[in-house]
């Protein structure tokens, strides 16, 4: 169990480091826009075409790649909207503490007992089970996740604890296709 948690922490840390490394090394002309809404917390604001949308199938969502070639989506966590970077390299969903609060999750300080290595160093995360994550009608219940302090996680990560429970996740022709 500890090795799984440690592996998840390493994957989250690598994801956080990767996003921050990309942001630090992207020329200003190619940098993603920042906004004063939910994306200002560290996530790149997707271009107009990268908002999540439904395809013709009832159980399918297609997400166009943003200018930075990443996939950003707004998902409802316990019915509260939150911006995410889709990260197939993250074992678990990782939530910023402020977005977790909006979703009704308020862990005690003592709950932050899972050591996690991030780009900012070692920190502690709270391991939780989310009631549900939903993206345009595709809903997964009882999703394992970590909550990290906002200053330790630049963007929420939609990891494999959610993605692996979908029928399929496929990247093709500049878009990510999720099937529920």
N, C-alpha and C. Protein backbone atom coordinates (compact mmCIF):
# COMPACT_ATOMS: atom_id res chain seq x y z
N UNK A 1 0.82 -1.19 0.00
CA UNK A 1 0.00 0.00 0.00
C UNK A 1 0.87 1.25 0.00
N UNK A 2 1.88 1.27 0.87
CA UNK A 2 2.76 2.44 0.91
C UNK A 2 3.50 2.63 -0.40
N UNK A 3 3.89 1.53 -1.05
CA UNK A 3 4.61 1.67 -2.32
C UNK A 3 3.69 2.22 -3.40
N UNK A 4 2.40 1.87 -3.37
CA UNK A 4 1.45 2.43 -4.34
C UNK A 4 1.27 3.92 -4.10
N UNK A 5 1.16 4.31 -2.84
CA UNK A 5 1.01 5.72 -2.52
C UNK A 5 2.27 6.48 -2.90
N UNK A 6 3.44 5.90 -2.62
CA UNK A 6 4.69 6.55 -2.99
C UNK A 6 4.79 6.69 -4.50
N UNK A 7 4.42 5.65 -5.25
CA UNK A 7 4.46 5.71 -6.71
C UNK A 7 3.51 6.79 -7.23
N UNK A 8 2.33 6.86 -6.64
CA UNK A 8 1.37 7.88 -7.05
C UNK A 8 1.93 9.27 -6.76
N UNK A 9 2.57 9.43 -5.62
CA UNK A 9 3.15 10.72 -5.26
C UNK A 9 4.25 11.12 -6.26
N UNK A 10 5.06 10.17 -6.67
CA UNK A 10 6.12 10.46 -7.64
C UNK A 10 5.52 10.88 -8.97
N UNK A 11 4.47 10.19 -9.40
CA UNK A 11 3.82 10.54 -10.67
C UNK A 11 3.20 11.92 -10.61
N UNK A 12 2.54 12.24 -9.49
CA UNK A 12 1.97 13.57 -9.34
C UNK A 12 3.08 14.61 -9.37
N UNK A 13 4.15 14.34 -8.66
CA UNK A 13 5.28 15.28 -8.63
C UNK A 13 5.85 15.49 -10.02
N UNK A 14 6.01 14.41 -10.77
CA UNK A 14 6.55 14.53 -12.13
C UNK A 14 5.61 15.34 -13.02
N UNK A 15 4.31 15.15 -12.84
CA UNK A 15 3.34 15.91 -13.62
C UNK A 15 3.41 17.39 -13.29
N UNK A 16 3.45 17.69 -11.99
CA UNK A 16 3.54 19.09 -11.57
C UNK A 16 4.83 19.70 -12.09
N UNK A 17 5.94 18.99 -11.95
CA UNK A 17 7.22 19.50 -12.44
C UNK A 17 7.16 19.73 -13.94
N UNK A 18 6.57 18.78 -14.69
CA UNK A 18 6.49 18.91 -16.14
C UNK A 18 5.72 20.14 -16.57
N UNK A 19 4.57 20.40 -15.95
CA UNK A 19 3.77 21.59 -16.29
C UNK A 19 4.55 22.85 -15.95
N UNK A 20 5.16 22.87 -14.77
CA UNK A 20 5.91 24.08 -14.37
C UNK A 20 7.14 24.27 -15.25
N UNK A 21 7.80 23.17 -15.62
CA UNK A 21 8.96 23.27 -16.50
C UNK A 21 8.54 23.82 -17.86
N UNK A 22 7.42 23.33 -18.38
CA UNK A 22 6.94 23.82 -19.67
C UNK A 22 6.64 25.31 -19.58
N UNK A 23 5.93 25.73 -18.51
CA UNK A 23 5.59 27.14 -18.35
C UNK A 23 6.83 28.01 -18.25
N UNK A 24 7.85 27.52 -17.54
CA UNK A 24 9.06 28.31 -17.34
C UNK A 24 9.90 28.41 -18.61
N UNK A 25 9.78 27.44 -19.50
CA UNK A 25 10.62 27.40 -20.70
C UNK A 25 9.89 27.70 -21.99
N UNK A 26 8.67 28.19 -21.91
CA UNK A 26 7.91 28.54 -23.10
C UNK A 26 8.15 30.01 -23.40
N UNK A 27 8.52 30.34 -24.64
CA UNK A 27 8.71 31.74 -24.98
C UNK A 27 7.42 32.53 -24.75
N UNK A 28 7.52 33.81 -24.41
CA UNK A 28 6.33 34.60 -24.12
C UNK A 28 5.30 34.60 -25.24
N UNK A 29 5.73 34.55 -26.49
CA UNK A 29 4.76 34.58 -27.59
C UNK A 29 3.93 33.31 -27.66
N UNK A 30 4.42 32.21 -27.07
CA UNK A 30 3.68 30.95 -27.14
C UNK A 30 3.02 30.61 -25.80
N UNK A 31 3.19 31.47 -24.82
CA UNK A 31 2.64 31.17 -23.50
C UNK A 31 1.13 31.18 -23.54
N UNK A 32 0.50 30.30 -22.79
CA UNK A 32 -0.96 30.31 -22.75
C UNK A 32 -1.47 31.55 -22.06
N UNK A 33 -2.67 31.98 -22.44
CA UNK A 33 -3.28 33.15 -21.82
C UNK A 33 -3.60 32.84 -20.37
N UNK A 34 -3.64 33.88 -19.55
CA UNK A 34 -4.08 33.73 -18.17
C UNK A 34 -5.41 34.47 -18.04
N UNK A 35 -6.23 34.01 -17.17
CA UNK A 35 -7.51 34.66 -16.95
C UNK A 35 -7.70 34.86 -15.46
N UNK A 36 -8.69 35.66 -15.12
CA UNK A 36 -8.95 35.91 -13.71
C UNK A 36 -9.98 34.95 -13.14
N UNK A 37 -10.41 33.98 -13.91
CA UNK A 37 -11.40 33.01 -13.40
C UNK A 37 -10.69 31.80 -12.82
N UNK A 38 -11.29 30.64 -12.90
CA UNK A 38 -10.74 29.43 -12.28
C UNK A 38 -9.37 29.06 -12.84
N UNK A 39 -9.08 29.44 -14.07
CA UNK A 39 -7.80 29.07 -14.66
C UNK A 39 -6.64 29.90 -14.11
N UNK A 40 -6.92 30.99 -13.43
CA UNK A 40 -5.84 31.82 -12.90
C UNK A 40 -5.06 31.11 -11.81
N UNK A 41 -5.59 30.04 -11.29
CA UNK A 41 -4.93 29.31 -10.20
C UNK A 41 -3.73 28.52 -10.68
N UNK A 42 -3.36 28.65 -11.94
CA UNK A 42 -2.17 27.98 -12.41
C UNK A 42 -2.37 27.18 -13.68
N UNK A 43 -3.59 26.92 -14.05
CA UNK A 43 -3.83 26.18 -15.28
C UNK A 43 -3.83 27.13 -16.46
N UNK A 44 -3.39 26.61 -17.58
CA UNK A 44 -3.45 27.41 -18.79
C UNK A 44 -4.90 27.58 -19.20
N UNK A 45 -5.27 28.76 -19.64
CA UNK A 45 -6.62 28.96 -20.14
C UNK A 45 -6.68 28.34 -21.53
N UNK A 46 -7.57 27.41 -21.74
CA UNK A 46 -7.63 26.80 -23.05
C UNK A 46 -8.09 27.79 -24.10
N UNK A 47 -7.65 27.56 -25.33
CA UNK A 47 -8.15 28.42 -26.40
C UNK A 47 -9.62 28.09 -26.60
N UNK A 48 -10.32 28.87 -27.37
CA UNK A 48 -11.76 28.74 -27.50
C UNK A 48 -12.18 27.33 -27.88
N UNK A 49 -11.40 26.69 -28.72
CA UNK A 49 -11.80 25.38 -29.22
C UNK A 49 -11.50 24.25 -28.25
N UNK A 50 -10.83 24.51 -27.13
CA UNK A 50 -10.45 23.42 -26.24
C UNK A 50 -11.42 23.21 -25.09
N UNK A 51 -12.56 23.88 -25.11
CA UNK A 51 -13.58 23.58 -24.10
C UNK A 51 -14.11 22.19 -24.35
N UNK A 52 -14.46 21.48 -23.26
CA UNK A 52 -14.97 20.14 -23.49
C UNK A 52 -16.33 20.22 -24.17
N UNK A 53 -16.57 19.27 -25.03
CA UNK A 53 -17.85 19.21 -25.71
C UNK A 53 -18.18 17.77 -26.04
N UNK A 54 -19.42 17.52 -26.30
CA UNK A 54 -19.92 16.19 -26.56
C UNK A 54 -19.94 15.94 -28.07
N UNK A 55 -19.65 14.71 -28.42
CA UNK A 55 -19.75 14.32 -29.82
C UNK A 55 -21.18 13.86 -30.09
N UNK A 56 -21.41 13.22 -31.22
CA UNK A 56 -22.73 12.71 -31.55
C UNK A 56 -23.16 11.56 -30.65
N UNK A 57 -22.20 10.83 -30.08
CA UNK A 57 -22.53 9.72 -29.19
C UNK A 57 -22.90 10.24 -27.81
N UNK A 58 -23.82 9.57 -27.17
CA UNK A 58 -24.28 10.00 -25.86
C UNK A 58 -23.23 9.81 -24.77
N UNK A 59 -22.36 8.81 -24.93
CA UNK A 59 -21.39 8.49 -23.90
C UNK A 59 -19.97 8.87 -24.29
N UNK A 60 -19.82 9.88 -25.12
CA UNK A 60 -18.50 10.26 -25.63
C UNK A 60 -18.29 11.76 -25.50
N UNK A 61 -17.09 12.12 -25.06
CA UNK A 61 -16.69 13.53 -24.98
C UNK A 61 -15.38 13.67 -25.74
N UNK A 62 -15.31 14.67 -26.60
CA UNK A 62 -14.09 14.96 -27.36
C UNK A 62 -13.51 16.28 -26.86
N UNK A 63 -12.22 16.26 -26.57
CA UNK A 63 -11.55 17.43 -26.02
C UNK A 63 -10.42 17.81 -26.97
N UNK A 64 -10.53 18.93 -27.68
CA UNK A 64 -9.45 19.35 -28.57
C UNK A 64 -8.20 19.74 -27.77
N UNK A 65 -7.04 19.53 -28.35
CA UNK A 65 -5.79 19.93 -27.72
C UNK A 65 -5.72 21.45 -27.66
N UNK A 66 -5.20 21.95 -26.55
CA UNK A 66 -4.97 23.39 -26.41
C UNK A 66 -3.71 23.76 -27.18
N UNK A 67 -3.41 25.03 -27.23
CA UNK A 67 -2.22 25.49 -27.96
C UNK A 67 -0.94 24.87 -27.44
N UNK A 68 -0.91 24.50 -26.17
CA UNK A 68 0.28 23.89 -25.60
C UNK A 68 0.30 22.37 -25.78
N UNK A 69 -0.63 21.85 -26.60
CA UNK A 69 -0.74 20.42 -26.93
C UNK A 69 -1.17 19.57 -25.74
N UNK A 70 -1.71 20.20 -24.72
CA UNK A 70 -2.25 19.49 -23.56
C UNK A 70 -3.77 19.48 -23.69
N UNK A 71 -4.42 18.66 -22.87
CA UNK A 71 -5.87 18.58 -22.89
C UNK A 71 -6.42 19.11 -21.58
N UNK A 72 -7.21 20.17 -21.65
CA UNK A 72 -7.81 20.80 -20.48
C UNK A 72 -9.32 20.58 -20.54
N UNK A 73 -9.89 20.33 -19.40
CA UNK A 73 -11.32 20.05 -19.34
C UNK A 73 -11.87 20.58 -18.02
N UNK A 74 -13.12 20.99 -18.04
CA UNK A 74 -13.81 21.33 -16.81
C UNK A 74 -14.63 20.13 -16.42
N UNK A 75 -14.40 19.64 -15.22
CA UNK A 75 -15.13 18.47 -14.71
C UNK A 75 -15.86 18.88 -13.44
N UNK A 76 -16.98 18.23 -13.19
CA UNK A 76 -17.72 18.47 -11.96
C UNK A 76 -17.23 17.47 -10.91
N UNK A 77 -16.66 18.00 -9.84
CA UNK A 77 -16.21 17.17 -8.72
C UNK A 77 -17.25 17.32 -7.63
N UNK A 78 -17.95 16.24 -7.32
CA UNK A 78 -19.06 16.31 -6.37
C UNK A 78 -20.01 17.45 -6.76
N UNK A 79 -20.23 17.61 -8.06
CA UNK A 79 -21.13 18.60 -8.69
C UNK A 79 -20.57 20.02 -8.73
N UNK A 80 -19.34 20.25 -8.27
CA UNK A 80 -18.73 21.58 -8.32
C UNK A 80 -17.73 21.62 -9.48
N UNK A 81 -17.85 22.57 -10.41
CA UNK A 81 -16.94 22.62 -11.55
C UNK A 81 -15.51 22.98 -11.14
N UNK A 82 -14.56 22.33 -11.80
CA UNK A 82 -13.15 22.59 -11.55
C UNK A 82 -12.35 22.35 -12.83
N UNK A 83 -11.34 23.18 -13.11
CA UNK A 83 -10.51 22.97 -14.30
C UNK A 83 -9.47 21.89 -14.05
N UNK A 84 -9.22 21.07 -15.07
CA UNK A 84 -8.26 19.98 -14.97
C UNK A 84 -7.36 19.93 -16.20
N UNK A 85 -6.15 19.44 -15.98
CA UNK A 85 -5.26 19.00 -17.03
C UNK A 85 -5.40 17.49 -17.06
N UNK A 86 -5.75 16.92 -18.22
CA UNK A 86 -5.84 15.47 -18.33
C UNK A 86 -4.42 14.93 -18.34
N UNK A 87 -4.11 14.03 -17.39
CA UNK A 87 -2.75 13.55 -17.22
C UNK A 87 -2.74 12.03 -17.09
N UNK A 88 -2.50 11.34 -18.19
CA UNK A 88 -2.47 9.88 -18.17
C UNK A 88 -1.26 9.36 -17.42
N UNK A 89 -0.29 10.19 -17.11
CA UNK A 89 0.88 9.79 -16.35
C UNK A 89 0.68 9.87 -14.85
N UNK A 90 -0.44 10.43 -14.41
CA UNK A 90 -0.73 10.54 -12.98
C UNK A 90 -1.60 9.35 -12.57
N UNK A 91 -1.18 8.64 -11.55
CA UNK A 91 -1.95 7.48 -11.09
C UNK A 91 -3.28 7.89 -10.47
N UNK A 92 -3.31 9.03 -9.82
CA UNK A 92 -4.50 9.48 -9.12
C UNK A 92 -4.92 10.85 -9.60
N UNK A 93 -6.16 11.19 -9.35
CA UNK A 93 -6.63 12.55 -9.51
C UNK A 93 -5.95 13.37 -8.43
N UNK A 94 -5.50 14.56 -8.76
CA UNK A 94 -4.89 15.47 -7.78
C UNK A 94 -5.66 16.78 -7.82
N UNK A 95 -6.15 17.20 -6.66
CA UNK A 95 -6.97 18.41 -6.55
C UNK A 95 -6.26 19.47 -5.73
N UNK A 96 -6.37 20.70 -6.20
CA UNK A 96 -5.91 21.83 -5.41
C UNK A 96 -6.87 21.99 -4.22
N UNK A 97 -6.36 22.40 -3.09
CA UNK A 97 -7.17 22.49 -1.88
C UNK A 97 -8.36 23.43 -2.07
N UNK A 98 -8.19 24.53 -2.80
CA UNK A 98 -9.30 25.47 -3.01
C UNK A 98 -10.42 24.83 -3.82
N UNK A 99 -10.09 24.05 -4.83
CA UNK A 99 -11.12 23.36 -5.61
C UNK A 99 -11.76 22.24 -4.80
N UNK A 100 -11.00 21.60 -3.95
CA UNK A 100 -11.55 20.57 -3.07
C UNK A 100 -12.59 21.18 -2.12
N UNK A 101 -12.30 22.37 -1.59
CA UNK A 101 -13.25 23.04 -0.70
C UNK A 101 -14.55 23.35 -1.43
N UNK A 102 -14.44 23.83 -2.69
CA UNK A 102 -15.65 24.12 -3.47
C UNK A 102 -16.47 22.85 -3.71
N UNK A 103 -15.80 21.69 -3.70
CA UNK A 103 -16.49 20.41 -3.90
C UNK A 103 -16.96 19.82 -2.57
N UNK A 104 -16.84 20.58 -1.49
CA UNK A 104 -17.33 20.12 -0.19
C UNK A 104 -16.35 19.28 0.60
N UNK A 105 -15.09 19.27 0.18
CA UNK A 105 -14.06 18.49 0.88
C UNK A 105 -13.20 19.44 1.71
N UNK A 106 -13.19 19.20 3.00
CA UNK A 106 -12.42 20.05 3.91
C UNK A 106 -11.61 19.16 4.85
N UNK A 107 -10.52 18.61 4.35
CA UNK A 107 -9.73 17.73 5.22
C UNK A 107 -9.07 18.54 6.33
N UNK A 108 -8.92 17.88 7.47
CA UNK A 108 -8.20 18.48 8.58
C UNK A 108 -6.71 18.48 8.26
N UNK A 109 -5.97 19.36 8.91
CA UNK A 109 -4.51 19.40 8.70
C UNK A 109 -3.89 18.03 8.96
N UNK A 110 -4.41 17.31 9.93
CA UNK A 110 -3.86 15.99 10.26
C UNK A 110 -4.07 14.98 9.13
N UNK A 111 -5.03 15.25 8.23
CA UNK A 111 -5.28 14.35 7.10
C UNK A 111 -4.20 14.46 6.02
N UNK A 112 -3.42 15.52 6.05
CA UNK A 112 -2.34 15.70 5.07
C UNK A 112 -1.13 14.90 5.55
N UNK A 113 -1.26 13.58 5.48
CA UNK A 113 -0.23 12.69 6.02
C UNK A 113 0.44 11.82 4.96
N UNK A 114 0.15 12.07 3.69
CA UNK A 114 0.75 11.29 2.60
C UNK A 114 1.91 12.09 2.01
N UNK A 115 3.16 11.67 2.20
CA UNK A 115 4.29 12.43 1.66
C UNK A 115 4.29 12.41 0.13
N UNK A 116 4.45 13.59 -0.43
CA UNK A 116 4.46 13.76 -1.89
C UNK A 116 5.63 14.67 -2.25
N UNK A 117 6.40 14.27 -3.23
CA UNK A 117 7.51 15.11 -3.71
C UNK A 117 7.01 15.90 -4.92
N UNK A 118 7.09 17.21 -4.86
CA UNK A 118 6.67 18.08 -5.96
C UNK A 118 7.86 18.88 -6.45
N UNK A 119 7.62 19.71 -7.45
CA UNK A 119 8.67 20.59 -7.95
C UNK A 119 9.12 21.57 -6.87
N UNK A 120 8.26 21.83 -5.89
CA UNK A 120 8.58 22.74 -4.79
C UNK A 120 9.20 22.02 -3.61
N UNK A 121 9.46 20.75 -3.74
CA UNK A 121 10.02 19.98 -2.64
C UNK A 121 9.01 18.98 -2.11
N UNK A 122 9.30 18.46 -0.92
CA UNK A 122 8.43 17.47 -0.31
C UNK A 122 7.29 18.18 0.42
N UNK A 123 6.09 17.68 0.22
CA UNK A 123 4.91 18.21 0.91
C UNK A 123 4.03 17.03 1.28
N UNK A 124 2.97 17.30 1.96
CA UNK A 124 2.03 16.24 2.33
C UNK A 124 0.70 16.47 1.64
N UNK A 125 0.06 15.37 1.26
CA UNK A 125 -1.25 15.41 0.61
C UNK A 125 -2.24 14.64 1.46
N UNK A 126 -3.51 14.97 1.28
CA UNK A 126 -4.59 14.23 1.94
C UNK A 126 -5.20 13.30 0.91
N UNK A 127 -5.30 12.03 1.26
CA UNK A 127 -5.92 11.06 0.35
C UNK A 127 -7.40 11.00 0.66
N UNK A 128 -8.24 11.12 -0.39
CA UNK A 128 -9.69 11.14 -0.21
C UNK A 128 -10.35 10.28 -1.29
N UNK A 129 -11.62 10.01 -1.09
CA UNK A 129 -12.45 9.38 -2.12
C UNK A 129 -13.52 10.38 -2.50
N UNK A 130 -13.53 10.76 -3.77
CA UNK A 130 -14.52 11.71 -4.27
C UNK A 130 -15.82 10.96 -4.56
N UNK A 131 -16.96 11.56 -4.24
CA UNK A 131 -18.24 10.91 -4.54
C UNK A 131 -18.37 10.67 -6.04
N UNK A 132 -18.04 11.68 -6.85
CA UNK A 132 -18.18 11.52 -8.30
C UNK A 132 -17.40 12.61 -9.03
N UNK A 133 -16.93 12.24 -10.21
CA UNK A 133 -16.40 13.21 -11.18
C UNK A 133 -17.21 13.01 -12.45
N UNK A 134 -17.69 14.12 -13.02
CA UNK A 134 -18.53 14.04 -14.21
C UNK A 134 -18.04 15.04 -15.25
N UNK A 135 -17.98 14.57 -16.48
CA UNK A 135 -17.63 15.42 -17.62
C UNK A 135 -18.71 15.24 -18.67
N UNK A 136 -19.55 16.25 -18.84
CA UNK A 136 -20.61 16.24 -19.85
C UNK A 136 -21.38 14.93 -19.88
N UNK A 137 -21.80 14.45 -18.75
CA UNK A 137 -22.62 13.25 -18.69
C UNK A 137 -21.86 11.96 -18.45
N UNK A 138 -20.57 11.95 -18.62
CA UNK A 138 -19.77 10.77 -18.30
C UNK A 138 -19.40 10.89 -16.82
N UNK A 139 -19.92 9.95 -16.03
CA UNK A 139 -19.78 10.06 -14.58
C UNK A 139 -19.09 8.81 -14.02
N UNK A 140 -18.11 9.06 -13.14
CA UNK A 140 -17.44 7.97 -12.42
C UNK A 140 -17.58 8.28 -10.94
N UNK A 141 -18.05 7.29 -10.18
CA UNK A 141 -18.26 7.47 -8.75
C UNK A 141 -17.13 6.84 -7.94
N UNK A 142 -16.97 7.33 -6.72
CA UNK A 142 -15.97 6.81 -5.77
C UNK A 142 -14.56 6.80 -6.37
N UNK A 143 -14.07 7.98 -6.68
CA UNK A 143 -12.77 8.16 -7.32
C UNK A 143 -11.72 8.52 -6.27
N UNK A 144 -10.64 7.74 -6.22
CA UNK A 144 -9.54 8.03 -5.30
C UNK A 144 -8.79 9.27 -5.79
N UNK A 145 -8.40 10.12 -4.84
CA UNK A 145 -7.72 11.37 -5.20
C UNK A 145 -6.82 11.83 -4.06
N UNK A 146 -5.90 12.74 -4.41
CA UNK A 146 -5.08 13.44 -3.43
C UNK A 146 -5.46 14.90 -3.45
N UNK A 147 -5.46 15.53 -2.30
CA UNK A 147 -5.63 16.97 -2.19
C UNK A 147 -4.29 17.55 -1.78
N UNK A 148 -3.85 18.58 -2.51
CA UNK A 148 -2.59 19.26 -2.21
C UNK A 148 -2.86 20.73 -2.00
N UNK A 149 -2.03 21.37 -1.24
CA UNK A 149 -2.13 22.82 -1.04
C UNK A 149 -1.99 23.52 -2.39
N UNK A 150 -2.71 24.63 -2.55
CA UNK A 150 -2.69 25.36 -3.82
C UNK A 150 -1.28 25.74 -4.26
N UNK A 151 -0.43 26.11 -3.30
CA UNK A 151 0.93 26.53 -3.69
C UNK A 151 1.82 25.34 -4.08
N UNK A 152 1.32 24.13 -3.92
CA UNK A 152 2.09 22.94 -4.28
C UNK A 152 1.59 22.29 -5.57
N UNK A 153 0.43 22.70 -6.05
CA UNK A 153 -0.15 22.11 -7.26
C UNK A 153 -0.69 23.23 -8.12
N UNK A 154 -0.07 23.45 -9.27
CA UNK A 154 -0.46 24.55 -10.14
C UNK A 154 -1.77 24.35 -10.86
N UNK A 155 -2.13 23.09 -11.13
CA UNK A 155 -3.35 22.78 -11.86
C UNK A 155 -3.86 21.43 -11.38
N UNK A 156 -5.17 21.27 -11.29
CA UNK A 156 -5.75 19.97 -10.95
C UNK A 156 -5.37 18.97 -12.03
N UNK A 157 -5.11 17.74 -11.63
CA UNK A 157 -4.73 16.68 -12.58
C UNK A 157 -5.82 15.63 -12.62
N UNK A 158 -6.28 15.32 -13.81
CA UNK A 158 -7.26 14.26 -14.01
C UNK A 158 -6.48 13.00 -14.35
N UNK A 159 -6.19 12.21 -13.34
CA UNK A 159 -5.32 11.05 -13.49
C UNK A 159 -6.06 9.75 -13.71
N UNK A 160 -5.30 8.67 -13.62
CA UNK A 160 -5.80 7.35 -13.98
C UNK A 160 -6.84 6.80 -13.00
N UNK A 161 -6.92 7.30 -11.77
CA UNK A 161 -7.97 6.80 -10.88
C UNK A 161 -9.36 7.15 -11.43
N UNK A 162 -9.43 8.13 -12.31
CA UNK A 162 -10.66 8.44 -13.06
C UNK A 162 -10.61 7.81 -14.45
N UNK A 163 -9.56 8.09 -15.19
CA UNK A 163 -9.49 7.69 -16.60
C UNK A 163 -9.56 6.18 -16.81
N UNK A 164 -8.95 5.40 -15.91
CA UNK A 164 -8.93 3.95 -16.09
C UNK A 164 -10.31 3.32 -15.92
N UNK A 165 -11.24 4.05 -15.39
CA UNK A 165 -12.58 3.52 -15.17
C UNK A 165 -13.54 3.86 -16.31
N UNK A 166 -13.01 4.55 -17.33
CA UNK A 166 -13.81 4.83 -18.52
C UNK A 166 -13.72 3.63 -19.47
N UNK A 167 -14.64 3.57 -20.41
CA UNK A 167 -14.60 2.52 -21.42
C UNK A 167 -13.32 2.63 -22.25
N UNK A 168 -12.98 3.88 -22.65
CA UNK A 168 -11.74 4.09 -23.39
C UNK A 168 -11.33 5.55 -23.34
N UNK A 169 -10.02 5.76 -23.50
CA UNK A 169 -9.41 7.08 -23.61
C UNK A 169 -8.50 7.00 -24.81
N UNK A 170 -8.74 7.84 -25.80
CA UNK A 170 -7.99 7.73 -27.05
C UNK A 170 -7.59 9.12 -27.54
N UNK A 171 -6.34 9.25 -27.94
CA UNK A 171 -5.85 10.49 -28.53
C UNK A 171 -5.74 10.29 -30.03
N UNK A 172 -6.41 11.15 -30.78
CA UNK A 172 -6.33 11.04 -32.24
C UNK A 172 -6.67 12.38 -32.88
N UNK A 173 -5.95 12.67 -33.94
CA UNK A 173 -6.19 13.87 -34.74
C UNK A 173 -6.34 15.13 -33.90
N UNK A 174 -5.46 15.30 -32.92
CA UNK A 174 -5.45 16.53 -32.14
C UNK A 174 -6.56 16.66 -31.12
N UNK A 175 -7.18 15.54 -30.77
CA UNK A 175 -8.19 15.61 -29.72
C UNK A 175 -8.13 14.35 -28.87
N UNK A 176 -8.64 14.48 -27.66
CA UNK A 176 -8.73 13.36 -26.73
C UNK A 176 -10.19 12.93 -26.70
N UNK A 177 -10.42 11.64 -26.91
CA UNK A 177 -11.78 11.11 -26.92
C UNK A 177 -11.98 10.25 -25.68
N UNK A 178 -12.93 10.64 -24.84
CA UNK A 178 -13.28 9.89 -23.64
C UNK A 178 -14.61 9.20 -23.89
N UNK A 179 -14.67 7.91 -23.60
CA UNK A 179 -15.93 7.17 -23.72
C UNK A 179 -16.28 6.59 -22.35
N UNK A 180 -17.53 6.84 -21.93
CA UNK A 180 -17.96 6.41 -20.61
C UNK A 180 -18.50 5.02 -20.55
